[in-house]
Structure formats: structure tokens, C-alpha cells
C-alpha atoms as a PDB file:
ATOM      1  CA  MET A   1     -61.871 176.468-174.825  1.00  0.00           C
ATOM      2  CA  THR A   2     -59.705 178.311-172.152  1.00  0.00           C
ATOM      3  CA  THR A   3     -61.162 177.958-168.648  1.00  0.00           C
ATOM      4  CA  HIS A   4     -59.898 179.004-165.831  1.00  0.00           C
ATOM      5  CA  VAL A   5     -60.483 177.375-162.427  1.00  0.00           C
ATOM      6  CA  LEU A   6     -59.704 179.906-159.227  1.00  0.00           C
ATOM      7  CA  PHE A   7     -60.226 178.059-155.165  1.00  0.00           C
ATOM      8  CA  GLU A   8     -60.166 179.763-152.021  1.00  0.00           C
ATOM      9  CA  GLY A   9     -56.980 177.847-151.325  1.00  0.00           C
ATOM     10  CA  GLU A  10     -53.047 178.432-151.291  1.00  0.00           C
ATOM     11  CA  PRO A  11     -51.932 181.277-153.759  1.00  0.00           C
ATOM     12  CA  GLY A  12     -50.637 179.871-157.130  1.00  0.00           C
ATOM     13  CA  VAL A  13     -51.758 177.883-159.816  1.00  0.00           C
ATOM     14  CA  ILE A  14     -51.717 173.794-159.487  1.00  0.00           C
ATOM     15  CA  VAL A  15     -52.278 172.852-163.170  1.00  0.00           C
ATOM     16  CA  ASP A  16     -52.105 174.755-166.071  1.00  0.00           C
ATOM     17  CA  ASP A  17     -51.989 171.972-169.468  1.00  0.00           C
ATOM     18  CA  GLY A  18     -53.182 175.007-171.939  1.00  0.00           C
ATOM     19  CA  ASP A  19     -56.474 174.424-171.708  1.00  0.00           C
ATOM     20  CA  VAL A  20     -57.327 174.581-168.425  1.00  0.00           C
ATOM     21  CA  ILE A  21     -55.503 176.610-165.540  1.00  0.00           C
ATOM     22  CA  ILE A  22     -56.686 176.086-161.490  1.00  0.00           C
ATOM     23  CA  GLU A  23     -55.805 178.927-159.464  1.00  0.00           C
ATOM     24  CA  GLY A  24     -55.578 178.715-155.891  1.00  0.00           C
ATOM     25  CA  VAL A  25     -56.696 182.696-154.484  1.00  0.00           C
ATOM     26  CA  GLU A  26     -57.553 183.812-151.289  1.00  0.00           C
ATOM     27  CA  LEU A  27     -60.982 185.146-150.399  1.00  0.00           C
ATOM     28  CA  ALA A  28     -59.639 188.593-150.621  1.00  0.00           C
ATOM     29  CA  ASP A  29     -58.251 188.647-153.732  1.00  0.00           C
ATOM     30  CA  LEU A  30     -61.112 186.392-155.641  1.00  0.00           C
ATOM     31  CA  VAL A  31     -62.908 189.321-157.977  1.00  0.00           C
ATOM     32  CA  LYS A  32     -59.068 190.711-158.849  1.00  0.00           C
ATOM     33  CA  ARG A  33     -57.519 187.543-159.476  1.00  0.00           C
ATOM     34  CA  ALA A  34     -60.848 186.801-161.465  1.00  0.00           C
ATOM     35  CA  ALA A  35     -60.896 189.625-163.839  1.00  0.00           C
ATOM     36  CA  ASN A  36     -57.112 188.837-164.652  1.00  0.00           C
ATOM     37  CA  ALA A  37     -58.065 185.809-165.479  1.00  0.00           C
ATOM     38  CA  ALA A  38     -60.787 186.721-167.885  1.00  0.00           C
ATOM     39  CA  ARG A  39     -58.447 188.618-170.007  1.00  0.00           C
ATOM     40  CA  ASP A  40     -57.314 185.025-170.977  1.00  0.00           C
ATOM     41  CA  ALA A  41     -59.511 182.357-170.721  1.00  0.00           C
ATOM     42  CA  ASP A  42     -62.951 181.984-172.797  1.00  0.00           C
ATOM     43  CA  ARG A  43     -64.224 180.813-169.553  1.00  0.00           C
ATOM     44  CA  VAL A  44     -63.835 181.597-165.398  1.00  0.00           C
ATOM     45  CA  GLU A  45     -64.853 178.342-163.583  1.00  0.00           C
ATOM     46  CA  LEU A  46     -65.248 178.927-159.381  1.00  0.00           C
ATOM     47  CA  CYS A  47     -65.410 176.172-156.858  1.00  0.00           C
ATOM     48  CA  GLY A  48     -68.551 175.578-155.004  1.00  0.00           C
ATOM     49  CA  GLY A  49     -67.236 176.861-152.068  1.00  0.00           C
ATOM     50  CA  VAL A  50     -67.141 181.020-153.381  1.00  0.00           C
ATOM     51  CA  GLY A  51     -70.048 182.052-151.606  1.00  0.00           C
ATOM     52  CA  VAL A  52     -73.324 183.385-153.915  1.00  0.00           C
ATOM     53  CA  ASP A  53     -71.907 187.568-152.951  1.00  0.00           C
ATOM     54  CA  ASP A  54     -68.570 186.885-154.137  1.00  0.00           C
ATOM     55  CA  ALA A  55     -69.224 184.463-157.348  1.00  0.00           C
ATOM     56  CA  ALA A  56     -72.216 187.619-158.069  1.00  0.00           C
ATOM     57  CA  ARG A  57     -69.278 190.345-157.548  1.00  0.00           C
ATOM     58  CA  VAL A  58     -67.217 188.320-159.755  1.00  0.00           C
ATOM     59  CA  ILE A  59     -69.585 188.046-162.953  1.00  0.00           C
ATOM     60  CA  GLU A  60     -70.298 191.867-162.206  1.00  0.00           C
ATOM     61  CA  VAL A  61     -66.744 192.703-162.683  1.00  0.00           C
ATOM     62  CA  ILE A  62     -66.267 190.600-165.589  1.00  0.00           C
ATOM     63  CA  GLY A  63     -69.278 191.426-167.274  1.00  0.00           C
ATOM     64  CA  GLY A  64     -70.954 189.640-170.226  1.00  0.00           C
ATOM     65  CA  GLY A  65     -67.454 188.773-172.120  1.00  0.00           C
ATOM     66  CA  VAL A  66     -66.327 185.798-169.950  1.00  0.00           C
ATOM     67  CA  GLU A  67     -68.417 183.296-169.425  1.00  0.00           C
ATOM     68  CA  VAL A  68     -67.972 183.016-165.222  1.00  0.00           C
ATOM     69  CA  ARG A  69     -70.233 179.112-164.108  1.00  0.00           C
ATOM     70  CA  VAL A  70     -69.944 178.083-160.355  1.00  0.00           C
ATOM     71  CA  ASN A  71     -69.571 174.940-158.767  1.00  0.00           C
ATOM     72  CA  ARG A  72     -72.940 173.587-158.053  1.00  0.00           C
ATOM     73  CA  TYR A  73     -74.012 170.105-156.077  1.00  0.00           C
ATOM     74  CA  GLY A  74     -76.479 168.185-156.477  1.00  0.00           C
ATOM     75  CA  PHE A  75     -79.758 167.841-153.605  1.00  0.00           C
ATOM     76  CA  GLU A  76     -78.135 164.099-152.558  1.00  0.00           C
ATOM     77  CA  SER A  77     -74.858 166.090-151.894  1.00  0.00           C
ATOM     78  CA  LEU A  78     -76.419 168.765-149.958  1.00  0.00           C
ATOM     79  CA  GLU A  79     -75.964 167.203-146.314  1.00  0.00           C
ATOM     80  CA  GLN A  80     -72.649 165.831-147.058  1.00  0.00           C
ATOM     81  CA  VAL A  81     -71.132 168.962-148.104  1.00  0.00           C
ATOM     82  CA  ALA A  82     -72.564 170.896-145.218  1.00  0.00           C
ATOM     83  CA  ALA A  83     -71.089 167.579-143.277  1.00  0.00           C
ATOM     84  CA  TYR A  84     -67.317 168.875-144.579  1.00  0.00           C
ATOM     85  CA  LYS A  85     -67.746 172.201-143.976  1.00  0.00           C
ATOM     86  CA  ALA A  86     -68.228 171.711-140.572  1.00  0.00           C
ATOM     87  CA  SER A  87     -65.580 168.987-140.588  1.00  0.00           C
ATOM     88  CA  PHE A  88     -63.079 171.559-142.825  1.00  0.00           C
ATOM     89  CA  GLU A  89     -63.730 173.904-140.328  1.00  0.00           C
ATOM     90  CA  ALA A  90     -62.455 171.980-137.349  1.00  0.00           C
ATOM     91  CA  GLY A  91     -59.741 170.962-139.063  1.00  0.00           C
ATOM     92  CA  GLU A  92     -60.931 167.151-139.209  1.00  0.00           C
ATOM     93  CA  ALA A  93     -62.304 167.053-143.333  1.00  0.00           C
ATOM     94  CA  GLY A  94     -60.155 165.295-145.743  1.00  0.00           C
ATOM     95  CA  GLY A  95     -58.801 167.073-148.435  1.00  0.00           C
ATOM     96  CA  ALA A  96     -60.484 168.132-151.905  1.00  0.00           C
ATOM     97  CA  LEU A  97     -60.062 166.549-155.361  1.00  0.00           C
ATOM     98  CA  PHE A  98     -60.609 168.388-158.229  1.00  0.00           C
ATOM     99  CA  LEU A  99     -60.632 166.452-161.645  1.00  0.00           C
ATOM    100  CA  TYR A 100     -60.769 168.161-164.656  1.00  0.00           C
ATOM    101  CA  GLY A 101     -60.983 167.165-169.005  1.00  0.00           C
ATOM    102  CA  SER A 102     -58.583 167.049-170.145  1.00  0.00           C
ATOM    103  CA  THR A 103     -57.146 165.498-173.323  1.00  0.00           C
ATOM    104  CA  VAL A 104     -54.317 163.182-171.692  1.00  0.00           C
ATOM    105  CA  SER A 105     -55.060 161.999-168.006  1.00  0.00           C
ATOM    106  CA  THR A 106     -52.663 162.617-165.756  1.00  0.00           C
ATOM    107  CA  PRO A 107     -51.814 160.863-162.150  1.00  0.00           C
ATOM    108  CA  LEU A 108     -53.143 162.269-158.547  1.00  0.00           C
ATOM    109  CA  ALA A 109     -50.944 166.078-157.235  1.00  0.00           C
ATOM    110  CA  ARG A 110     -51.638 166.799-154.344  1.00  0.00           C
ATOM    111  CA  HIS A 111     -50.895 170.230-153.466  1.00  0.00           C
ATOM    112  CA  GLU A 112     -52.153 172.164-150.159  1.00  0.00           C
ATOM    113  CA  GLY A 113     -55.326 170.736-149.024  1.00  0.00           C
ATOM    114  CA  VAL A 114     -55.921 169.347-152.339  1.00  0.00           C
ATOM    115  CA  VAL A 115     -55.127 166.358-154.888  1.00  0.00           C
ATOM    116  CA  VAL A 116     -55.812 167.270-158.528  1.00  0.00           C
ATOM    117  CA  ALA A 117     -55.593 165.242-161.634  1.00  0.00           C
ATOM    118  CA  GLY A 118     -56.818 165.537-165.614  1.00  0.00           C
ATOM    119  CA  VAL A 119     -58.976 162.768-166.879  1.00  0.00           C
ATOM    120  CA  ALA A 120     -59.590 162.058-170.952  1.00  0.00           C
ATOM    121  CA  ASP A 121     -62.721 159.601-170.439  1.00  0.00           C
ATOM    122  CA  ARG A 122     -64.486 157.899-168.415  1.00  0.00           C
ATOM    123  CA  GLU A 123     -61.958 155.034-167.238  1.00  0.00           C
ATOM    124  CA  ALA A 124     -60.047 157.232-165.771  1.00  0.00           C
ATOM    125  CA  LEU A 125     -61.918 159.446-163.978  1.00  0.00           C
ATOM    126  CA  ILE A 126     -63.559 156.542-162.451  1.00  0.00           C
ATOM    127  CA  GLU A 127     -60.351 155.102-161.324  1.00  0.00           C
ATOM    128  CA  ARG A 128     -58.987 158.506-160.300  1.00  0.00           C
ATOM    129  CA  VAL A 129     -61.930 159.296-157.864  1.00  0.00           C
ATOM    130  CA  ARG A 130     -61.076 155.689-156.292  1.00  0.00           C
ATOM    131  CA  GLU A 131     -57.423 156.621-156.218  1.00  0.00           C
ATOM    132  CA  ALA A 132     -57.798 159.625-154.252  1.00  0.00           C
ATOM    133  CA  ARG A 133     -61.163 157.771-152.314  1.00  0.00           C
ATOM    134  CA  GLU A 134     -58.166 155.770-150.580  1.00  0.00           C
ATOM    135  CA  HIS A 135     -56.218 159.119-149.707  1.00  0.00           C
ATOM    136  CA  GLY A 136     -59.265 160.527-148.080  1.00  0.00           C
ATOM    137  CA  VAL A 137     -60.226 162.660-150.001  1.00  0.00           C
ATOM    138  CA  GLY A 138     -63.463 164.319-148.006  1.00  0.00           C
ATOM    139  CA  ILE A 139     -65.530 165.849-151.518  1.00  0.00           C
ATOM    140  CA  VAL A 140     -65.227 165.484-154.836  1.00  0.00           C
ATOM    141  CA  GLU A 141     -65.240 168.605-157.549  1.00  0.00           C
ATOM    142  CA  LEU A 142     -65.458 168.666-161.554  1.00  0.00           C
ATOM    143  CA  TYR A 143     -64.474 171.043-163.584  1.00  0.00           C
ATOM    144  CA  GLY A 144     -63.624 171.773-166.948  1.00  0.00           C
ATOM    145  CA  GLY A 145     -65.915 170.440-169.115  1.00  0.00           C
ATOM    146  CA  LEU A 146     -66.521 167.453-166.530  1.00  0.00           C
ATOM    147  CA  GLY A 147     -70.748 168.231-165.947  1.00  0.00           C
ATOM    148  CA  ALA A 148     -73.456 166.229-164.938  1.00  0.00           C
ATOM    149  CA  SER A 149     -73.139 162.745-166.138  1.00  0.00           C
ATOM    150  CA  ALA A 150     -69.224 162.742-164.973  1.00  0.00           C
ATOM    151  CA  ALA A 151     -70.756 163.897-161.365  1.00  0.00           C
ATOM    152  CA  ALA A 152     -73.555 160.893-161.480  1.00  0.00           C
ATOM    153  CA  ASP A 153     -69.991 158.626-162.488  1.00  0.00           C
ATOM    154  CA  VAL A 154     -68.680 159.791-159.560  1.00  0.00           C
ATOM    155  CA  ARG A 155     -71.157 159.230-157.321  1.00  0.00           C
ATOM    156  CA  ASP A 156     -72.038 155.777-158.360  1.00  0.00           C
ATOM    157  CA  ALA A 157     -68.047 154.751-158.422  1.00  0.00           C
ATOM    158  CA  VAL A 158     -68.148 156.003-154.856  1.00  0.00           C
ATOM    159  CA  ASP A 159     -71.775 154.185-153.834  1.00  0.00           C
ATOM    160  CA  GLY A 160     -72.918 158.329-152.568  1.00  0.00           C
ATOM    161  CA  ALA A 161     -69.744 158.690-150.396  1.00  0.00           C
ATOM    162  CA  LEU A 162     -68.873 161.532-150.745  1.00  0.00           C
ATOM    163  CA  PRO A 163     -70.541 164.938-151.775  1.00  0.00           C
ATOM    164  CA  VAL A 164     -69.960 165.846-155.802  1.00  0.00           C
ATOM    165  CA  GLY A 165     -70.107 169.240-156.992  1.00  0.00           C
ATOM    166  CA  PHE A 166     -69.844 169.911-160.654  1.00  0.00           C
ATOM    167  CA  ILE A 167     -69.965 172.727-163.527  1.00  0.00           C
ATOM    168  CA  ASP A 168     -73.463 172.287-165.091  1.00  0.00           C
END
């Protein structure tokens, strides 16, 4: 399965491992980029920062041929997400950590406002989260097959100190 992740950020592809593509887009281009991504992907995943109206437009344009999923946060993360959003808008937030399921774990890679890594197993997931936390990330989002169980592992690894989003 090929998954194409779109997030609001510096335009361009920051990961392409053959199974997962992670691409920053300007919000004004989200629907167009999602339609392009849907041509080659089995699934399009949208960042937790994408609002419901924009997500609905993406789903409408793509139609039923490709699954579209939106990163979500558990109830326990909602106050933390609100605090992160306020901090982000004030220019004070730490970067976002995007982790994705991969056949091979990769080291953390920094991009404009985002730290990203592929993780092949639970051990690598926990290790990358702890490394990124030491570097000041303020929020974690999981993609490409990392769902609720991985989110629970991350919340446990950071003692509930960071909001964790996942694709359910």
C-alpha cells in the first residue's frame, strides 16, 4: 500500500521511501496536491492541522477511489493540542515530530518546522520519540500504519507530556 501524507508546511516532498511519501503543501494548494497524490497512492493521510472543511473538500474531490484519512487526537491530548496551537501561533512552539511505519528505521531528519523518521518496530518508535523530545519537539503525529496502539506507546514513553495524533 502506498500512502501519501500531506501537511501544511514548506512545500515539497520530505520523505519518499517507496511506500510512504510525506509532502508539505500550502493550504491554498491542499486540494490540488491531494488530487495529484491520489493518482499514485492507495491512501491519502492529512495532517492533524488540516481543518474539517478542507478535509471534506479533499474527500469530495478525490471521490471514493482512494481512501482519505485525517490525523486525529485522543481526548487526553485535546488541551495539549490547544496549548501547542497557541504556542505555534505565537511563534514559540517546538517543531512537530512525524513518525511513519517503515520496513527500515531511519534516523531523525530535520526539515522546516518538522522532524521526521521511519520506524520499523516499537523499539525504534520509542527511541525516536525520546530523541526528538530531547530536541524540543512539541507535538507528535503518526502516519503510514502507526495507529492507536503506537500512539498509546508514545504517550507512555513521554509520560503523557506531548499530544499524540494518529490515523485510526
